[in-house]
Amino acid sequence: MGTHISGVEEGPAQGHRRRRGTDAHVLQRCNQTLKPVVVDQVELDWEGWNGPAGADRSAVRWKLLVSGERGPSAGLVTGLGEVAPGRVLPRHHHEPEETYYVVSGRGHVEIDGVRMDIGPGTAVFVPPNAKHALYCTGAEPLVFVFTFARDRLADVVYYFNE
């Protein structure tokens, strides 16, 4: 049986929840002109999972760069993630597809039981609901950019598998 990570108590720092139809914020964004956003990741603090169900299972941390939670963007979430040497973002799945782009470090990604080596310059596409994990096998942290086609990171629900 898997562990469902969501909500303010057990989910990531911003309280990840399942997307529900046509939320008021989605309708409101459709009627407004989006403005440019420029973010310097150096100015952001690292975030991690809240609660024992998430923090005990995953050593990943992230900086949320572009998202409806942080500014006037819609339809795209982009962040910087990091897995420490010898650690793993455990096998999990979520409804939206996801991309990774490796900035630095070495490791491997496992998607639906297939393991592939990754390093700087590697791009990865994870299909919707594919079970996947990310391992840091090098001496330095595995740093990657992640992207979801969602308005907010809070619209993504993670399901960790036993």
N, C-alpha and C. Protein backbone atom coordinates (compact mmCIF):
# COMPACT_ATOMS: atom_id res chain seq x y z
N MET A 1 0.84 -1.18 0.00
CA MET A 1 0.00 0.00 0.00
C MET A 1 0.88 1.24 0.00
N GLY A 2 0.49 2.29 -0.71
CA GLY A 2 1.30 3.49 -0.83
C GLY A 2 0.93 4.53 0.22
N THR A 3 1.73 5.56 0.31
CA THR A 3 1.48 6.67 1.19
C THR A 3 1.09 7.86 0.35
N HIS A 4 -0.01 8.47 0.64
CA HIS A 4 -0.49 9.63 -0.08
C HIS A 4 -0.02 10.86 0.68
N ILE A 5 0.76 11.69 0.02
CA ILE A 5 1.27 12.90 0.66
C ILE A 5 0.48 14.08 0.12
N SER A 6 -0.30 14.73 0.97
CA SER A 6 -1.02 15.92 0.54
C SER A 6 -1.44 16.69 1.76
N GLY A 7 -1.97 17.85 1.53
CA GLY A 7 -2.50 18.68 2.61
C GLY A 7 -1.40 19.42 3.34
N VAL A 8 -1.81 20.35 4.15
CA VAL A 8 -0.87 21.21 4.85
C VAL A 8 -0.03 20.43 5.86
N GLU A 9 -0.60 19.48 6.55
CA GLU A 9 0.12 18.75 7.58
C GLU A 9 1.14 17.76 7.03
N GLU A 10 0.81 17.01 5.98
CA GLU A 10 1.69 15.95 5.52
C GLU A 10 2.37 16.25 4.19
N GLY A 11 1.92 17.24 3.47
CA GLY A 11 2.46 17.53 2.14
C GLY A 11 3.65 18.46 2.20
N PRO A 12 4.18 18.84 1.02
CA PRO A 12 5.28 19.78 0.97
C PRO A 12 4.92 21.09 1.64
N ALA A 13 5.92 21.92 1.84
CA ALA A 13 5.80 23.13 2.64
C ALA A 13 4.63 24.02 2.25
N GLN A 14 4.25 24.07 1.00
CA GLN A 14 3.17 24.94 0.59
C GLN A 14 1.81 24.27 0.66
N GLY A 15 1.69 23.03 1.12
CA GLY A 15 0.42 22.37 1.29
C GLY A 15 -0.16 21.92 -0.04
N HIS A 16 0.32 20.84 -0.57
CA HIS A 16 -0.10 20.37 -1.88
C HIS A 16 -1.46 19.71 -1.81
N ARG A 17 -2.33 20.12 -2.73
CA ARG A 17 -3.67 19.57 -2.78
C ARG A 17 -4.00 19.16 -4.20
N ARG A 18 -4.97 18.28 -4.33
CA ARG A 18 -5.44 17.84 -5.65
C ARG A 18 -6.17 19.00 -6.33
N ARG A 19 -5.93 19.16 -7.63
CA ARG A 19 -6.62 20.17 -8.42
C ARG A 19 -8.10 19.82 -8.49
N ARG A 20 -8.95 20.77 -8.30
CA ARG A 20 -10.38 20.53 -8.31
C ARG A 20 -11.05 21.38 -9.39
N GLY A 21 -11.34 20.78 -10.52
CA GLY A 21 -12.12 21.40 -11.58
C GLY A 21 -11.73 22.82 -11.92
N THR A 22 -12.69 23.73 -11.89
CA THR A 22 -12.46 25.12 -12.24
C THR A 22 -12.45 25.97 -10.98
N ASP A 23 -11.35 25.97 -10.27
CA ASP A 23 -11.21 26.78 -9.07
C ASP A 23 -11.35 28.26 -9.43
N ALA A 24 -11.75 29.06 -8.48
CA ALA A 24 -11.93 30.49 -8.71
C ALA A 24 -10.63 31.13 -9.19
N HIS A 25 -9.48 30.70 -8.62
CA HIS A 25 -8.21 31.32 -9.03
C HIS A 25 -7.89 31.01 -10.49
N VAL A 26 -8.30 29.85 -10.99
CA VAL A 26 -8.06 29.49 -12.39
C VAL A 26 -8.91 30.37 -13.29
N LEU A 27 -10.19 30.56 -12.94
CA LEU A 27 -11.06 31.40 -13.73
C LEU A 27 -10.58 32.84 -13.72
N GLN A 28 -10.14 33.31 -12.57
CA GLN A 28 -9.66 34.66 -12.45
C GLN A 28 -8.43 34.88 -13.34
N ARG A 29 -7.50 33.92 -13.38
CA ARG A 29 -6.30 34.05 -14.20
C ARG A 29 -6.62 34.08 -15.70
N CYS A 30 -7.68 33.39 -16.10
CA CYS A 30 -8.07 33.38 -17.52
C CYS A 30 -8.49 34.77 -17.98
N ASN A 31 -8.96 35.61 -17.08
CA ASN A 31 -9.48 36.93 -17.43
C ASN A 31 -8.47 38.05 -17.21
N GLN A 32 -7.22 37.73 -16.87
CA GLN A 32 -6.24 38.78 -16.64
C GLN A 32 -5.02 38.56 -17.51
N THR A 33 -4.31 39.64 -17.77
CA THR A 33 -3.09 39.57 -18.54
C THR A 33 -1.95 39.19 -17.60
N LEU A 34 -1.21 38.15 -17.98
CA LEU A 34 -0.09 37.72 -17.15
C LEU A 34 1.09 38.66 -17.35
N LYS A 35 1.84 38.87 -16.31
CA LYS A 35 2.99 39.76 -16.33
C LYS A 35 4.27 38.94 -16.20
N PRO A 36 5.38 39.45 -16.73
CA PRO A 36 6.65 38.72 -16.62
C PRO A 36 7.07 38.55 -15.15
N VAL A 37 7.78 37.47 -14.90
CA VAL A 37 8.32 37.19 -13.58
C VAL A 37 9.79 36.85 -13.74
N VAL A 38 10.65 37.47 -12.93
CA VAL A 38 12.07 37.16 -12.93
C VAL A 38 12.44 36.79 -11.50
N VAL A 39 13.03 35.59 -11.32
CA VAL A 39 13.35 35.09 -9.99
C VAL A 39 14.81 34.68 -9.96
N ASP A 40 15.54 35.12 -8.95
CA ASP A 40 16.91 34.68 -8.74
C ASP A 40 16.88 33.63 -7.63
N GLN A 41 17.19 32.38 -7.98
CA GLN A 41 17.10 31.28 -7.01
C GLN A 41 17.96 31.50 -5.79
N VAL A 42 19.02 32.30 -5.90
CA VAL A 42 19.90 32.57 -4.76
C VAL A 42 19.14 33.26 -3.63
N GLU A 43 18.11 34.01 -3.98
CA GLU A 43 17.34 34.75 -2.98
C GLU A 43 16.27 33.90 -2.29
N LEU A 44 16.08 32.67 -2.74
CA LEU A 44 15.05 31.80 -2.18
C LEU A 44 15.63 30.81 -1.18
N ASP A 45 14.85 30.48 -0.17
CA ASP A 45 15.22 29.44 0.79
C ASP A 45 14.82 28.07 0.22
N TRP A 46 15.57 27.05 0.61
CA TRP A 46 15.20 25.68 0.24
C TRP A 46 13.95 25.28 1.02
N GLU A 47 13.09 24.52 0.39
CA GLU A 47 11.89 23.97 1.02
C GLU A 47 12.00 22.46 1.05
N GLY A 48 11.18 21.82 1.87
CA GLY A 48 11.16 20.37 1.96
C GLY A 48 9.79 19.89 2.36
N TRP A 49 9.67 18.59 2.54
CA TRP A 49 8.39 18.00 2.93
C TRP A 49 8.08 18.32 4.37
N ASN A 50 6.83 18.61 4.66
CA ASN A 50 6.36 18.81 6.03
C ASN A 50 5.84 17.49 6.58
N GLY A 51 5.89 17.35 7.86
CA GLY A 51 5.30 16.18 8.51
C GLY A 51 6.16 14.95 8.37
N PRO A 52 5.99 14.01 9.27
CA PRO A 52 6.83 12.81 9.28
C PRO A 52 6.64 11.91 8.07
N ALA A 53 5.45 11.87 7.49
CA ALA A 53 5.21 10.97 6.35
C ALA A 53 6.07 11.37 5.15
N GLY A 54 6.30 12.64 4.96
CA GLY A 54 7.11 13.09 3.83
C GLY A 54 8.58 13.20 4.15
N ALA A 55 8.91 13.86 5.25
CA ALA A 55 10.31 14.12 5.59
C ALA A 55 11.12 12.85 5.81
N ASP A 56 10.50 11.83 6.39
CA ASP A 56 11.21 10.58 6.63
C ASP A 56 11.44 9.78 5.36
N ARG A 57 10.62 10.01 4.35
CA ARG A 57 10.70 9.21 3.13
C ARG A 57 11.58 9.83 2.05
N SER A 58 11.78 11.14 2.06
CA SER A 58 12.44 11.78 0.94
C SER A 58 13.46 12.82 1.38
N ALA A 59 14.64 12.75 0.78
CA ALA A 59 15.70 13.70 1.09
C ALA A 59 15.73 14.84 0.09
N VAL A 60 14.77 14.91 -0.80
CA VAL A 60 14.78 15.97 -1.80
C VAL A 60 14.38 17.29 -1.15
N ARG A 61 14.96 18.36 -1.66
CA ARG A 61 14.55 19.70 -1.27
C ARG A 61 14.43 20.52 -2.56
N TRP A 62 13.73 21.64 -2.51
CA TRP A 62 13.49 22.40 -3.72
C TRP A 62 13.32 23.87 -3.44
N LYS A 63 13.45 24.65 -4.53
CA LYS A 63 13.13 26.07 -4.55
C LYS A 63 12.10 26.25 -5.65
N LEU A 64 10.95 26.75 -5.29
CA LEU A 64 9.89 26.98 -6.26
C LEU A 64 10.16 28.31 -6.95
N LEU A 65 10.42 28.25 -8.26
CA LEU A 65 10.83 29.43 -9.01
C LEU A 65 9.66 30.17 -9.66
N VAL A 66 8.86 29.45 -10.44
CA VAL A 66 7.73 30.05 -11.14
C VAL A 66 6.49 29.21 -10.84
N SER A 67 5.45 29.87 -10.34
CA SER A 67 4.23 29.17 -9.98
C SER A 67 3.18 30.20 -9.60
N GLY A 68 1.92 29.83 -9.75
CA GLY A 68 0.84 30.70 -9.30
C GLY A 68 0.89 30.98 -7.82
N GLU A 69 1.58 30.14 -7.04
CA GLU A 69 1.74 30.38 -5.60
C GLU A 69 2.67 31.55 -5.34
N ARG A 70 3.57 31.82 -6.26
CA ARG A 70 4.62 32.81 -6.05
C ARG A 70 4.47 34.07 -6.89
N GLY A 71 3.59 34.06 -7.88
CA GLY A 71 3.47 35.23 -8.73
C GLY A 71 2.38 35.04 -9.76
N PRO A 72 2.29 35.96 -10.68
CA PRO A 72 1.18 35.95 -11.64
C PRO A 72 1.43 35.03 -12.85
N SER A 73 1.75 33.79 -12.60
CA SER A 73 1.94 32.84 -13.69
C SER A 73 0.79 31.85 -13.69
N ALA A 74 0.56 31.21 -14.84
CA ALA A 74 -0.52 30.23 -14.94
C ALA A 74 -0.10 29.14 -15.91
N GLY A 75 -0.46 27.91 -15.58
CA GLY A 75 -0.23 26.80 -16.50
C GLY A 75 1.17 26.24 -16.50
N LEU A 76 2.04 26.72 -15.60
CA LEU A 76 3.42 26.24 -15.58
C LEU A 76 4.01 26.40 -14.19
N VAL A 77 4.61 25.31 -13.72
CA VAL A 77 5.36 25.32 -12.46
C VAL A 77 6.79 24.91 -12.79
N THR A 78 7.74 25.71 -12.32
CA THR A 78 9.16 25.39 -12.52
C THR A 78 9.88 25.58 -11.20
N GLY A 79 10.74 24.62 -10.87
CA GLY A 79 11.50 24.72 -9.64
C GLY A 79 12.87 24.10 -9.79
N LEU A 80 13.69 24.30 -8.80
CA LEU A 80 15.03 23.73 -8.72
C LEU A 80 15.01 22.70 -7.61
N GLY A 81 15.38 21.47 -7.91
CA GLY A 81 15.38 20.41 -6.92
C GLY A 81 16.80 19.94 -6.63
N GLU A 82 16.99 19.32 -5.47
CA GLU A 82 18.31 18.81 -5.10
C GLU A 82 18.15 17.52 -4.28
N VAL A 83 18.91 16.50 -4.67
CA VAL A 83 18.99 15.26 -3.90
C VAL A 83 20.44 15.13 -3.42
N ALA A 84 20.64 14.95 -2.14
CA ALA A 84 21.98 14.86 -1.55
C ALA A 84 22.68 13.56 -1.97
N PRO A 85 24.03 13.55 -1.95
CA PRO A 85 24.78 12.34 -2.30
C PRO A 85 24.32 11.13 -1.48
N GLY A 86 24.11 10.02 -2.18
CA GLY A 86 23.70 8.79 -1.51
C GLY A 86 22.23 8.74 -1.14
N ARG A 87 21.48 9.77 -1.44
CA ARG A 87 20.06 9.83 -1.06
C ARG A 87 19.17 9.63 -2.29
N VAL A 88 17.86 9.59 -2.06
CA VAL A 88 16.93 9.29 -3.14
C VAL A 88 15.62 10.06 -2.97
N LEU A 89 15.02 10.44 -4.08
CA LEU A 89 13.63 10.85 -4.11
C LEU A 89 12.90 9.54 -4.39
N PRO A 90 12.23 8.96 -3.39
CA PRO A 90 11.69 7.60 -3.52
C PRO A 90 10.66 7.46 -4.64
N ARG A 91 10.44 6.20 -5.01
CA ARG A 91 9.47 5.89 -6.05
C ARG A 91 8.12 6.48 -5.67
N HIS A 92 7.53 7.17 -6.64
CA HIS A 92 6.24 7.81 -6.44
C HIS A 92 5.59 8.03 -7.80
N HIS A 93 4.37 8.51 -7.77
CA HIS A 93 3.71 8.91 -9.01
C HIS A 93 2.76 10.06 -8.71
N HIS A 94 2.36 10.73 -9.77
CA HIS A 94 1.40 11.83 -9.69
C HIS A 94 0.74 11.94 -11.05
N GLU A 95 -0.43 12.53 -11.08
CA GLU A 95 -1.22 12.61 -12.32
C GLU A 95 -0.53 13.42 -13.42
N PRO A 96 -0.01 14.62 -13.16
CA PRO A 96 0.55 15.35 -14.30
C PRO A 96 1.92 14.82 -14.72
N GLU A 97 2.19 14.94 -16.02
CA GLU A 97 3.53 14.64 -16.50
C GLU A 97 4.51 15.64 -15.89
N GLU A 98 5.79 15.28 -15.96
CA GLU A 98 6.83 16.12 -15.35
C GLU A 98 8.09 16.03 -16.21
N THR A 99 8.88 17.08 -16.17
CA THR A 99 10.20 17.02 -16.81
C THR A 99 11.27 17.33 -15.77
N TYR A 100 12.44 16.75 -15.99
CA TYR A 100 13.65 17.08 -15.22
C TYR A 100 14.71 17.52 -16.22
N TYR A 101 15.52 18.47 -15.82
CA TYR A 101 16.72 18.83 -16.57
C TYR A 101 17.85 18.89 -15.55
N VAL A 102 18.85 18.02 -15.71
CA VAL A 102 19.93 17.93 -14.72
C VAL A 102 20.94 19.06 -14.94
N VAL A 103 21.17 19.82 -13.88
CA VAL A 103 22.10 20.94 -13.90
C VAL A 103 23.49 20.49 -13.48
N SER A 104 23.55 19.70 -12.41
CA SER A 104 24.84 19.21 -11.92
C SER A 104 24.63 17.94 -11.11
N GLY A 105 25.71 17.21 -10.90
CA GLY A 105 25.66 15.96 -10.16
C GLY A 105 25.41 14.77 -11.06
N ARG A 106 25.49 13.58 -10.47
CA ARG A 106 25.30 12.33 -11.20
C ARG A 106 24.31 11.45 -10.45
N GLY A 107 23.62 10.62 -11.21
CA GLY A 107 22.68 9.70 -10.58
C GLY A 107 21.98 8.86 -11.62
N HIS A 108 20.84 8.36 -11.25
CA HIS A 108 19.99 7.68 -12.20
C HIS A 108 18.53 7.92 -11.86
N VAL A 109 17.74 7.82 -12.90
CA VAL A 109 16.30 7.95 -12.76
C VAL A 109 15.71 6.59 -13.10
N GLU A 110 14.70 6.20 -12.37
CA GLU A 110 13.98 4.96 -12.65
C GLU A 110 12.54 5.34 -12.98
N ILE A 111 12.09 4.93 -14.17
CA ILE A 111 10.71 5.21 -14.60
C ILE A 111 10.06 3.90 -15.00
N ASP A 112 8.99 3.54 -14.30
CA ASP A 112 8.27 2.29 -14.55
C ASP A 112 9.21 1.10 -14.66
N GLY A 113 10.16 1.01 -13.72
CA GLY A 113 11.07 -0.13 -13.63
C GLY A 113 12.29 -0.07 -14.52
N VAL A 114 12.42 0.95 -15.36
CA VAL A 114 13.59 1.09 -16.24
C VAL A 114 14.52 2.15 -15.65
N ARG A 115 15.77 1.78 -15.43
CA ARG A 115 16.75 2.67 -14.81
C ARG A 115 17.70 3.23 -15.87
N MET A 116 17.91 4.55 -15.83
CA MET A 116 18.79 5.23 -16.77
C MET A 116 19.74 6.17 -16.03
N ASP A 117 21.00 6.20 -16.45
CA ASP A 117 21.97 7.13 -15.87
C ASP A 117 21.66 8.54 -16.32
N ILE A 118 21.88 9.50 -15.42
CA ILE A 118 21.67 10.91 -15.74
C ILE A 118 22.82 11.73 -15.20
N GLY A 119 23.07 12.86 -15.82
CA GLY A 119 24.11 13.79 -15.41
C GLY A 119 23.84 15.14 -16.05
N PRO A 120 24.76 16.09 -15.89
CA PRO A 120 24.55 17.44 -16.42
C PRO A 120 24.16 17.42 -17.89
N GLY A 121 23.12 18.15 -18.22
CA GLY A 121 22.64 18.23 -19.59
C GLY A 121 21.59 17.21 -19.96
N THR A 122 21.27 16.28 -19.06
CA THR A 122 20.27 15.25 -19.34
C THR A 122 18.87 15.81 -19.10
N ALA A 123 17.98 15.59 -20.07
CA ALA A 123 16.57 15.95 -19.92
C ALA A 123 15.76 14.67 -19.81
N VAL A 124 14.76 14.68 -18.95
CA VAL A 124 13.93 13.50 -18.69
C VAL A 124 12.46 13.91 -18.77
N PHE A 125 11.66 13.11 -19.47
CA PHE A 125 10.21 13.28 -19.49
C PHE A 125 9.59 12.12 -18.71
N VAL A 126 8.76 12.43 -17.74
CA VAL A 126 8.05 11.43 -16.95
C VAL A 126 6.57 11.49 -17.33
N PRO A 127 6.04 10.44 -17.95
CA PRO A 127 4.63 10.44 -18.36
C PRO A 127 3.68 10.52 -17.16
N PRO A 128 2.43 10.90 -17.40
CA PRO A 128 1.44 10.95 -16.32
C PRO A 128 1.32 9.60 -15.61
N ASN A 129 1.27 9.64 -14.29
CA ASN A 129 1.10 8.47 -13.43
C ASN A 129 2.20 7.42 -13.52
N ALA A 130 3.31 7.71 -14.19
CA ALA A 130 4.43 6.77 -14.24
C ALA A 130 5.10 6.73 -12.86
N LYS A 131 5.39 5.53 -12.39
CA LYS A 131 6.12 5.39 -11.12
C LYS A 131 7.58 5.69 -11.39
N HIS A 132 8.14 6.62 -10.60
CA HIS A 132 9.51 7.04 -10.86
C HIS A 132 10.23 7.40 -9.56
N ALA A 133 11.56 7.32 -9.62
CA ALA A 133 12.43 7.66 -8.49
C ALA A 133 13.68 8.32 -9.04
N LEU A 134 14.35 9.09 -8.21
CA LEU A 134 15.55 9.81 -8.61
C LEU A 134 16.63 9.56 -7.56
N TYR A 135 17.78 9.05 -8.00
CA TYR A 135 18.87 8.66 -7.11
C TYR A 135 20.10 9.53 -7.37
N CYS A 136 20.75 10.00 -6.31
CA CYS A 136 22.02 10.69 -6.44
C CYS A 136 23.13 9.69 -6.13
N THR A 137 23.94 9.36 -7.13
CA THR A 137 24.99 8.36 -6.96
C THR A 137 26.39 8.97 -6.94
N GLY A 138 26.50 10.27 -7.17
CA GLY A 138 27.81 10.93 -7.21
C GLY A 138 28.20 11.51 -5.87
N ALA A 139 29.36 12.17 -5.86
CA ALA A 139 29.90 12.77 -4.64
C ALA A 139 29.32 14.16 -4.36
N GLU A 140 28.66 14.75 -5.34
CA GLU A 140 28.04 16.06 -5.15
C GLU A 140 26.52 15.92 -5.31
N PRO A 141 25.76 16.89 -4.79
CA PRO A 141 24.30 16.79 -4.92
C PRO A 141 23.85 16.73 -6.38
N LEU A 142 22.77 16.03 -6.62
CA LEU A 142 22.13 15.99 -7.93
C LEU A 142 21.15 17.17 -7.96
N VAL A 143 21.45 18.15 -8.81
CA VAL A 143 20.63 19.37 -8.91
C VAL A 143 19.91 19.34 -10.25
N PHE A 144 18.61 19.58 -10.22
CA PHE A 144 17.80 19.48 -11.44
C PHE A 144 16.69 20.51 -11.43
N VAL A 145 16.28 20.90 -12.62
CA VAL A 145 15.13 21.76 -12.81
C VAL A 145 13.93 20.85 -13.07
N PHE A 146 12.81 21.09 -12.41
CA PHE A 146 11.60 20.30 -12.66
C PHE A 146 10.49 21.22 -13.16
N THR A 147 9.60 20.64 -13.96
CA THR A 147 8.50 21.41 -14.53
C THR A 147 7.23 20.57 -14.57
N PHE A 148 6.13 21.19 -14.20
CA PHE A 148 4.80 20.60 -14.32
C PHE A 148 3.92 21.55 -15.13
N ALA A 149 3.02 21.04 -15.93
CA ALA A 149 2.04 21.85 -16.64
C ALA A 149 0.82 22.02 -15.73
N ARG A 150 0.98 22.81 -14.71
CA ARG A 150 -0.07 23.11 -13.74
C ARG A 150 0.06 24.58 -13.35
N ASP A 151 -0.98 25.12 -12.73
CA ASP A 151 -0.94 26.51 -12.28
C ASP A 151 -0.09 26.67 -11.03
N ARG A 152 -0.16 25.67 -10.14
CA ARG A 152 0.51 25.76 -8.86
C ARG A 152 1.07 24.40 -8.49
N LEU A 153 2.15 24.38 -7.73
CA LEU A 153 2.67 23.11 -7.24
C LEU A 153 1.64 22.46 -6.31
N ALA A 154 0.82 23.26 -5.68
CA ALA A 154 -0.24 22.73 -4.82
C ALA A 154 -1.26 21.91 -5.59
N ASP A 155 -1.24 21.98 -6.92
CA ASP A 155 -2.15 21.20 -7.76
C ASP A 155 -1.63 19.79 -8.04
N VAL A 156 -0.46 19.46 -7.52
CA VAL A 156 0.16 18.14 -7.75
C VAL A 156 0.09 17.34 -6.46
N VAL A 157 -0.48 16.14 -6.54
CA VAL A 157 -0.56 15.24 -5.38
C VAL A 157 0.41 14.10 -5.61
N TYR A 158 1.32 13.87 -4.67
CA TYR A 158 2.33 12.81 -4.74
C TYR A 158 1.81 11.56 -4.03
N TYR A 159 1.99 10.42 -4.66
CA TYR A 159 1.67 9.13 -4.06
C TYR A 159 2.96 8.32 -3.99
N PHE A 160 3.43 8.06 -2.78
CA PHE A 160 4.65 7.27 -2.60
C PHE A 160 4.26 5.80 -2.46
N ASN A 161 5.00 4.94 -3.14
CA ASN A 161 4.69 3.51 -3.18
C ASN A 161 5.60 2.74 -2.24
N GLU A 162 5.05 1.74 -1.62
CA GLU A 162 5.84 0.89 -0.72
C GLU A 162 6.74 -0.03 -1.51
